[in-house]
Amino acid sequence: MLVMNATTARKNLFKLIDEVILTHEHICITGKNGNVIMISEEDWKSIQERLYLSSVLNIKRKILKGLNTPLSECVEDNE
């Protein structure tokens, strides 16, 4: 993860936006009162979706069960 101060980030904002979108690498921007992380909107939505799915117990169990189910049990044999 790239780390830079707010002044440098401000000077390079448009370049940083393009870089984050293309590479999906997060950027830590440091400030006097704390730090922030710049991430793409696509990554943010993905994080939100994962958090939501993790918070719904039934869905989480079904996903875990599906991940542990052999493929042969998931596909119908048409022969």
PDB file of N, CA and C in Angstrom:
ATOM      1  N   MET A   1       0.856  -1.170   0.000  1.00  0.00           N
ATOM      2  CA  MET A   1       0.000   0.000   0.000  1.00  0.00           C
ATOM      3  C   MET A   1       0.900   1.230   0.000  1.00  0.00           C
ATOM      4  N   LEU A   2       0.593   2.153  -0.856  1.00  0.00           N
ATOM      5  CA  LEU A   2       1.320   3.407  -0.964  1.00  0.00           C
ATOM      6  C   LEU A   2       0.885   4.344   0.163  1.00  0.00           C
ATOM      7  N   VAL A   3       1.833   5.027   0.782  1.00  0.00           N
ATOM      8  CA  VAL A   3       1.543   5.972   1.861  1.00  0.00           C
ATOM      9  C   VAL A   3       2.101   7.327   1.464  1.00  0.00           C
ATOM     10  N   MET A   4       1.298   8.374   1.624  1.00  0.00           N
ATOM     11  CA  MET A   4       1.757   9.726   1.323  1.00  0.00           C
ATOM     12  C   MET A   4       1.014  10.737   2.167  1.00  0.00           C
ATOM     13  N   ASN A   5       1.593  11.914   2.283  1.00  0.00           N
ATOM     14  CA  ASN A   5       0.922  12.958   3.062  1.00  0.00           C
ATOM     15  C   ASN A   5      -0.141  13.648   2.212  1.00  0.00           C
ATOM     16  N   ALA A   6      -1.003  14.403   2.870  1.00  0.00           N
ATOM     17  CA  ALA A   6      -2.138  15.034   2.198  1.00  0.00           C
ATOM     18  C   ALA A   6      -1.701  16.048   1.151  1.00  0.00           C
ATOM     19  N   THR A   7      -0.623  16.756   1.394  1.00  0.00           N
ATOM     20  CA  THR A   7      -0.144  17.761   0.428  1.00  0.00           C
ATOM     21  C   THR A   7       0.255  17.094  -0.878  1.00  0.00           C
ATOM     22  N   THR A   8       0.992  16.004  -0.793  1.00  0.00           N
ATOM     23  CA  THR A   8       1.403  15.271  -1.995  1.00  0.00           C
ATOM     24  C   THR A   8       0.185  14.678  -2.698  1.00  0.00           C
ATOM     25  N   ALA A   9      -0.726  14.132  -1.930  1.00  0.00           N
ATOM     26  CA  ALA A   9      -1.940  13.551  -2.510  1.00  0.00           C
ATOM     27  C   ALA A   9      -2.758  14.613  -3.236  1.00  0.00           C
ATOM     28  N   ARG A  10      -2.883  15.777  -2.644  1.00  0.00           N
ATOM     29  CA  ARG A  10      -3.648  16.867  -3.260  1.00  0.00           C
ATOM     30  C   ARG A  10      -3.024  17.267  -4.596  1.00  0.00           C
ATOM     31  N   LYS A  11      -1.696  17.337  -4.648  1.00  0.00           N
ATOM     32  CA  LYS A  11      -1.000  17.725  -5.877  1.00  0.00           C
ATOM     33  C   LYS A  11      -1.181  16.694  -6.987  1.00  0.00           C
ATOM     34  N   ASN A  12      -1.395  15.448  -6.608  1.00  0.00           N
ATOM     35  CA  ASN A  12      -1.474  14.348  -7.582  1.00  0.00           C
ATOM     36  C   ASN A  12      -2.838  13.663  -7.598  1.00  0.00           C
ATOM     37  N   LEU A  13      -3.871  14.373  -7.172  1.00  0.00           N
ATOM     38  CA  LEU A  13      -5.174  13.744  -6.955  1.00  0.00           C
ATOM     39  C   LEU A  13      -5.704  12.997  -8.174  1.00  0.00           C
ATOM     40  N   PHE A  14      -5.711  13.623  -9.335  1.00  0.00           N
ATOM     41  CA  PHE A  14      -6.301  12.980 -10.510  1.00  0.00           C
ATOM     42  C   PHE A  14      -5.503  11.743 -10.924  1.00  0.00           C
ATOM     43  N   LYS A  15      -4.184  11.817 -10.823  1.00  0.00           N
ATOM     44  CA  LYS A  15      -3.330  10.661 -11.119  1.00  0.00           C
ATOM     45  C   LYS A  15      -3.602   9.536 -10.120  1.00  0.00           C
ATOM     46  N   LEU A  16      -3.745   9.879  -8.847  1.00  0.00           N
ATOM     47  CA  LEU A  16      -4.011   8.881  -7.815  1.00  0.00           C
ATOM     48  C   LEU A  16      -5.357   8.199  -8.021  1.00  0.00           C
ATOM     49  N   ILE A  17      -6.356   8.977  -8.390  1.00  0.00           N
ATOM     50  CA  ILE A  17      -7.686   8.398  -8.656  1.00  0.00           C
ATOM     51  C   ILE A  17      -7.580   7.342  -9.748  1.00  0.00           C
ATOM     52  N   ASP A  18      -6.920   7.691 -10.861  1.00  0.00           N
ATOM     53  CA  ASP A  18      -6.773   6.742 -11.965  1.00  0.00           C
ATOM     54  C   ASP A  18      -5.985   5.513 -11.532  1.00  0.00           C
ATOM     55  N   GLU A  19      -4.924   5.716 -10.761  1.00  0.00           N
ATOM     56  CA  GLU A  19      -4.089   4.604 -10.308  1.00  0.00           C
ATOM     57  C   GLU A  19      -4.867   3.642  -9.419  1.00  0.00           C
ATOM     58  N   VAL A  20      -5.642   4.179  -8.483  1.00  0.00           N
ATOM     59  CA  VAL A  20      -6.424   3.343  -7.573  1.00  0.00           C
ATOM     60  C   VAL A  20      -7.473   2.549  -8.342  1.00  0.00           C
ATOM     61  N   ILE A  21      -8.113   3.175  -9.301  1.00  0.00           N
ATOM     62  CA  ILE A  21      -9.136   2.491 -10.096  1.00  0.00           C
ATOM     63  C   ILE A  21      -8.513   1.370 -10.919  1.00  0.00           C
ATOM     64  N   LEU A  22      -7.370   1.641 -11.536  1.00  0.00           N
ATOM     65  CA  LEU A  22      -6.746   0.652 -12.415  1.00  0.00           C
ATOM     66  C   LEU A  22      -6.076  -0.491 -11.662  1.00  0.00           C
ATOM     67  N   THR A  23      -5.406  -0.189 -10.560  1.00  0.00           N
ATOM     68  CA  THR A  23      -4.609  -1.207  -9.874  1.00  0.00           C
ATOM     69  C   THR A  23      -5.322  -1.873  -8.702  1.00  0.00           C
ATOM     70  N   HIS A  24      -6.385  -1.256  -8.206  1.00  0.00           N
ATOM     71  CA  HIS A  24      -7.091  -1.724  -7.011  1.00  0.00           C
ATOM     72  C   HIS A  24      -6.187  -1.713  -5.781  1.00  0.00           C
ATOM     73  N   GLU A  25      -5.103  -0.949  -5.842  1.00  0.00           N
ATOM     74  CA  GLU A  25      -4.223  -0.769  -4.689  1.00  0.00           C
ATOM     75  C   GLU A  25      -4.732   0.408  -3.871  1.00  0.00           C
ATOM     76  N   HIS A  26      -4.819   0.231  -2.579  1.00  0.00           N
ATOM     77  CA  HIS A  26      -5.286   1.292  -1.705  1.00  0.00           C
ATOM     78  C   HIS A  26      -4.144   2.253  -1.422  1.00  0.00           C
ATOM     79  N   ILE A  27      -4.478   3.503  -1.145  1.00  0.00           N
ATOM     80  CA  ILE A  27      -3.470   4.507  -0.815  1.00  0.00           C
ATOM     81  C   ILE A  27      -3.805   5.096   0.550  1.00  0.00           C
ATOM     82  N   CYS A  28      -2.820   5.103   1.435  1.00  0.00           N
ATOM     83  CA  CYS A  28      -2.983   5.710   2.752  1.00  0.00           C
ATOM     84  C   CYS A  28      -2.524   7.155   2.655  1.00  0.00           C
ATOM     85  N   ILE A  29      -3.405   8.073   2.998  1.00  0.00           N
ATOM     86  CA  ILE A  29      -3.089   9.501   2.986  1.00  0.00           C
ATOM     87  C   ILE A  29      -3.038   9.969   4.427  1.00  0.00           C
ATOM     88  N   THR A  30      -1.866  10.447   4.815  1.00  0.00           N
ATOM     89  CA  THR A  30      -1.654  10.844   6.202  1.00  0.00           C
ATOM     90  C   THR A  30      -1.973  12.323   6.387  1.00  0.00           C
ATOM     91  N   GLY A  31      -2.547  12.644   7.541  1.00  0.00           N
ATOM     92  CA  GLY A  31      -2.887  14.025   7.868  1.00  0.00           C
ATOM     93  C   GLY A  31      -2.515  14.330   9.306  1.00  0.00           C
ATOM     94  N   LYS A  32      -2.703  15.568   9.679  1.00  0.00           N
ATOM     95  CA  LYS A  32      -2.365  15.991  11.038  1.00  0.00           C
ATOM     96  C   LYS A  32      -3.212  15.290  12.096  1.00  0.00           C
ATOM     97  N   ASN A  33      -4.478  15.059  11.788  1.00  0.00           N
ATOM     98  CA  ASN A  33      -5.409  14.500  12.773  1.00  0.00           C
ATOM     99  C   ASN A  33      -5.682  13.017  12.580  1.00  0.00           C
ATOM    100  N   GLY A  34      -4.986  12.389  11.665  1.00  0.00           N
ATOM    101  CA  GLY A  34      -5.195  10.970  11.404  1.00  0.00           C
ATOM    102  C   GLY A  34      -4.999  10.658   9.935  1.00  0.00           C
ATOM    103  N   ASN A  35      -5.274   9.444   9.579  1.00  0.00           N
ATOM    104  CA  ASN A  35      -5.063   8.989   8.209  1.00  0.00           C
ATOM    105  C   ASN A  35      -6.379   8.554   7.573  1.00  0.00           C
ATOM    106  N   VAL A  36      -6.398   8.536   6.246  1.00  0.00           N
ATOM    107  CA  VAL A  36      -7.543   8.021   5.493  1.00  0.00           C
ATOM    108  C   VAL A  36      -7.009   7.066   4.434  1.00  0.00           C
ATOM    109  N   ILE A  37      -7.874   6.209   3.963  1.00  0.00           N
ATOM    110  CA  ILE A  37      -7.515   5.263   2.917  1.00  0.00           C
ATOM    111  C   ILE A  37      -8.333   5.587   1.674  1.00  0.00           C
ATOM    112  N   MET A  38      -7.656   5.730   0.541  1.00  0.00           N
ATOM    113  CA  MET A  38      -8.337   5.945  -0.731  1.00  0.00           C
ATOM    114  C   MET A  38      -8.480   4.589  -1.411  1.00  0.00           C
ATOM    115  N   ILE A  39      -9.724   4.215  -1.732  1.00  0.00           N
ATOM    116  CA  ILE A  39      -9.985   2.974  -2.456  1.00  0.00           C
ATOM    117  C   ILE A  39     -10.967   3.277  -3.576  1.00  0.00           C
ATOM    118  N   SER A  40     -11.018   2.405  -4.562  1.00  0.00           N
ATOM    119  CA  SER A  40     -11.945   2.610  -5.672  1.00  0.00           C
ATOM    120  C   SER A  40     -13.377   2.350  -5.217  1.00  0.00           C
ATOM    121  N   GLU A  41     -14.313   2.926  -5.940  1.00  0.00           N
ATOM    122  CA  GLU A  41     -15.726   2.698  -5.628  1.00  0.00           C
ATOM    123  C   GLU A  41     -16.068   1.216  -5.770  1.00  0.00           C
ATOM    124  N   GLU A  42     -15.505   0.568  -6.778  1.00  0.00           N
ATOM    125  CA  GLU A  42     -15.761  -0.858  -6.982  1.00  0.00           C
ATOM    126  C   GLU A  42     -15.301  -1.677  -5.775  1.00  0.00           C
ATOM    127  N   ASP A  43     -14.109  -1.366  -5.255  1.00  0.00           N
ATOM    128  CA  ASP A  43     -13.608  -2.073  -4.079  1.00  0.00           C
ATOM    129  C   ASP A  43     -14.471  -1.780  -2.853  1.00  0.00           C
ATOM    130  N   TRP A  44     -14.892  -0.530  -2.703  1.00  0.00           N
ATOM    131  CA  TRP A  44     -15.748  -0.152  -1.574  1.00  0.00           C
ATOM    132  C   TRP A  44     -17.053  -0.937  -1.599  1.00  0.00           C
ATOM    133  N   LYS A  45     -17.672  -1.030  -2.772  1.00  0.00           N
ATOM    134  CA  LYS A  45     -18.931  -1.773  -2.890  1.00  0.00           C
ATOM    135  C   LYS A  45     -18.721  -3.247  -2.582  1.00  0.00           C
ATOM    136  N   SER A  46     -17.597  -3.789  -3.020  1.00  0.00           N
ATOM    137  CA  SER A  46     -17.281  -5.189  -2.734  1.00  0.00           C
ATOM    138  C   SER A  46     -17.131  -5.422  -1.235  1.00  0.00           C
ATOM    139  N   ILE A  47     -16.451  -4.520  -0.553  1.00  0.00           N
ATOM    140  CA  ILE A  47     -16.285  -4.621   0.899  1.00  0.00           C
ATOM    141  C   ILE A  47     -17.638  -4.550   1.587  1.00  0.00           C
ATOM    142  N   GLN A  48     -18.483  -3.623   1.163  1.00  0.00           N
ATOM    143  CA  GLN A  48     -19.801  -3.481   1.765  1.00  0.00           C
ATOM    144  C   GLN A  48     -20.638  -4.739   1.574  1.00  0.00           C
ATOM    145  N   GLU A  49     -20.564  -5.317   0.380  1.00  0.00           N
ATOM    146  CA  GLU A  49     -21.320  -6.541   0.105  1.00  0.00           C
ATOM    147  C   GLU A  49     -20.835  -7.690   0.994  1.00  0.00           C
ATOM    148  N   ARG A  50     -19.524  -7.818   1.129  1.00  0.00           N
ATOM    149  CA  ARG A  50     -18.976  -8.879   1.979  1.00  0.00           C
ATOM    150  C   ARG A  50     -19.383  -8.688   3.433  1.00  0.00           C
ATOM    151  N   LEU A  51     -19.350  -7.456   3.901  1.00  0.00           N
ATOM    152  CA  LEU A  51     -19.761  -7.188   5.278  1.00  0.00           C
ATOM    153  C   LEU A  51     -21.232  -7.543   5.484  1.00  0.00           C
ATOM    154  N   TYR A  52     -22.064  -7.178   4.518  1.00  0.00           N
ATOM    155  CA  TYR A  52     -23.490  -7.490   4.619  1.00  0.00           C
ATOM    156  C   TYR A  52     -23.703  -9.002   4.642  1.00  0.00           C
ATOM    157  N   LEU A  53     -23.082  -9.694   3.691  1.00  0.00           N
ATOM    158  CA  LEU A  53     -23.274 -11.140   3.622  1.00  0.00           C
ATOM    159  C   LEU A  53     -22.749 -11.828   4.876  1.00  0.00           C
ATOM    160  N   SER A  54     -21.655 -11.318   5.428  1.00  0.00           N
ATOM    161  CA  SER A  54     -21.110 -11.897   6.658  1.00  0.00           C
ATOM    162  C   SER A  54     -22.018 -11.659   7.852  1.00  0.00           C
ATOM    163  N   SER A  55     -22.834 -10.618   7.793  1.00  0.00           N
ATOM    164  CA  SER A  55     -23.698 -10.288   8.918  1.00  0.00           C
ATOM    165  C   SER A  55     -24.996 -11.098   8.918  1.00  0.00           C
ATOM    166  N   VAL A  56     -25.325 -11.718   7.804  1.00  0.00           N
ATOM    167  CA  VAL A  56     -26.547 -12.508   7.697  1.00  0.00           C
ATOM    168  C   VAL A  56     -26.168 -13.967   7.910  1.00  0.00           C
ATOM    169  N   LEU A  57     -26.480 -14.492   9.087  1.00  0.00           N
ATOM    170  CA  LEU A  57     -26.018 -15.814   9.496  1.00  0.00           C
ATOM    171  C   LEU A  57     -26.439 -16.913   8.525  1.00  0.00           C
ATOM    172  N   ASN A  58     -27.683 -16.934   8.117  1.00  0.00           N
ATOM    173  CA  ASN A  58     -28.159 -17.988   7.211  1.00  0.00           C
ATOM    174  C   ASN A  58     -27.410 -17.971   5.886  1.00  0.00           C
ATOM    175  N   ILE A  59     -27.210 -16.783   5.342  1.00  0.00           N
ATOM    176  CA  ILE A  59     -26.510 -16.674   4.067  1.00  0.00           C
ATOM    177  C   ILE A  59     -25.070 -17.147   4.224  1.00  0.00           C
ATOM    178  N   LYS A  60     -24.443 -16.753   5.319  1.00  0.00           N
ATOM    179  CA  LYS A  60     -23.056 -17.151   5.561  1.00  0.00           C
ATOM    180  C   LYS A  60     -22.938 -18.670   5.624  1.00  0.00           C
ATOM    181  N   ARG A  61     -23.854 -19.321   6.325  1.00  0.00           N
ATOM    182  CA  ARG A  61     -23.831 -20.784   6.425  1.00  0.00           C
ATOM    183  C   ARG A  61     -24.016 -21.438   5.057  1.00  0.00           C
ATOM    184  N   LYS A  62     -24.957 -20.900   4.268  1.00  0.00           N
ATOM    185  CA  LYS A  62     -25.217 -21.468   2.944  1.00  0.00           C
ATOM    186  C   LYS A  62     -24.011 -21.303   2.028  1.00  0.00           C
ATOM    187  N   ILE A  63     -23.358 -20.146   2.104  1.00  0.00           N
ATOM    188  CA  ILE A  63     -22.162 -19.919   1.282  1.00  0.00           C
ATOM    189  C   ILE A  63     -21.062 -20.890   1.683  1.00  0.00           C
ATOM    190  N   LEU A  64     -20.836 -21.036   2.977  1.00  0.00           N
ATOM    191  CA  LEU A  64     -19.799 -21.962   3.444  1.00  0.00           C
ATOM    192  C   LEU A  64     -20.120 -23.400   3.061  1.00  0.00           C
ATOM    193  N   LYS A  65     -21.388 -23.779   3.160  1.00  0.00           N
ATOM    194  CA  LYS A  65     -21.798 -25.126   2.770  1.00  0.00           C
ATOM    195  C   LYS A  65     -21.565 -25.331   1.276  1.00  0.00           C
ATOM    196  N   GLY A  66     -21.927 -24.332   0.475  1.00  0.00           N
ATOM    197  CA  GLY A  66     -21.718 -24.425  -0.973  1.00  0.00           C
ATOM    198  C   GLY A  66     -20.252 -24.534  -1.341  1.00  0.00           C
ATOM    199  N   LEU A  67     -19.402 -23.790  -0.640  1.00  0.00           N
ATOM    200  CA  LEU A  67     -17.964 -23.850  -0.914  1.00  0.00           C
ATOM    201  C   LEU A  67     -17.381 -25.210  -0.590  1.00  0.00           C
ATOM    202  N   ASN A  68     -17.981 -25.912   0.359  1.00  0.00           N
ATOM    203  CA  ASN A  68     -17.479 -27.223   0.768  1.00  0.00           C
ATOM    204  C   ASN A  68     -18.172 -28.382   0.059  1.00  0.00           C
ATOM    205  N   THR A  69     -19.110 -28.096  -0.829  1.00  0.00           N
ATOM    206  CA  THR A  69     -19.825 -29.134  -1.563  1.00  0.00           C
ATOM    207  C   THR A  69     -19.035 -29.498  -2.817  1.00  0.00           C
ATOM    208  N   PRO A  70     -18.748 -30.793  -3.018  1.00  0.00           N
ATOM    209  CA  PRO A  70     -18.026 -31.196  -4.230  1.00  0.00           C
ATOM    210  C   PRO A  70     -18.816 -30.830  -5.489  1.00  0.00           C
ATOM    211  N   LEU A  71     -18.100 -30.463  -6.530  1.00  0.00           N
ATOM    212  CA  LEU A  71     -18.737 -30.064  -7.785  1.00  0.00           C
ATOM    213  C   LEU A  71     -19.634 -31.171  -8.337  1.00  0.00           C
ATOM    214  N   SER A  72     -19.234 -32.415  -8.141  1.00  0.00           N
ATOM    215  CA  SER A  72     -20.029 -33.539  -8.652  1.00  0.00           C
ATOM    216  C   SER A  72     -21.421 -33.587  -8.043  1.00  0.00           C
ATOM    217  N   GLU A  73     -21.587 -33.016  -6.868  1.00  0.00           N
ATOM    218  CA  GLU A  73     -22.895 -32.988  -6.222  1.00  0.00           C
ATOM    219  C   GLU A  73     -23.714 -31.778  -6.667  1.00  0.00           C
ATOM    220  N   CYS A  74     -23.100 -30.855  -7.391  1.00  0.00           N
ATOM    221  CA  CYS A  74     -23.785 -29.621  -7.791  1.00  0.00           C
ATOM    222  C   CYS A  74     -24.296 -29.673  -9.225  1.00  0.00           C
ATOM    223  N   VAL A  75     -23.772 -30.592 -10.023  1.00  0.00           N
ATOM    224  CA  VAL A  75     -24.114 -30.640 -11.442  1.00  0.00           C
ATOM    225  C   VAL A  75     -24.999 -31.844 -11.725  1.00  0.00           C
ATOM    226  N   GLU A  76     -26.089 -31.589 -12.451  1.00  0.00           N
ATOM    227  CA  GLU A  76     -26.964 -32.700 -12.834  1.00  0.00           C
ATOM    228  C   GLU A  76     -26.347 -33.488 -13.968  1.00  0.00           C
ATOM    229  N   ASP A  77     -26.507 -34.800 -13.921  1.00  0.00           N
ATOM    230  CA  ASP A  77     -26.029 -35.650 -15.001  1.00  0.00           C
ATOM    231  C   ASP A  77     -27.147 -35.817 -15.982  1.00  0.00           C
ATOM    232  N   ASN A  78     -26.978 -35.315 -17.210  1.00  0.00           N
ATOM    233  CA  ASN A  78     -28.031 -35.351 -18.232  1.00  0.00           C
ATOM    234  C   ASN A  78     -28.027 -36.636 -19.059  1.00  0.00           C
ATOM    235  N   GLU A  79     -27.150 -37.560 -18.750  1.00  0.00           N
ATOM    236  CA  GLU A  79     -27.081 -38.803 -19.536  1.00  0.00           C
ATOM    237  C   GLU A  79     -28.050 -39.840 -19.073  1.00  0.00           C
TER     238      GLU A  79
END
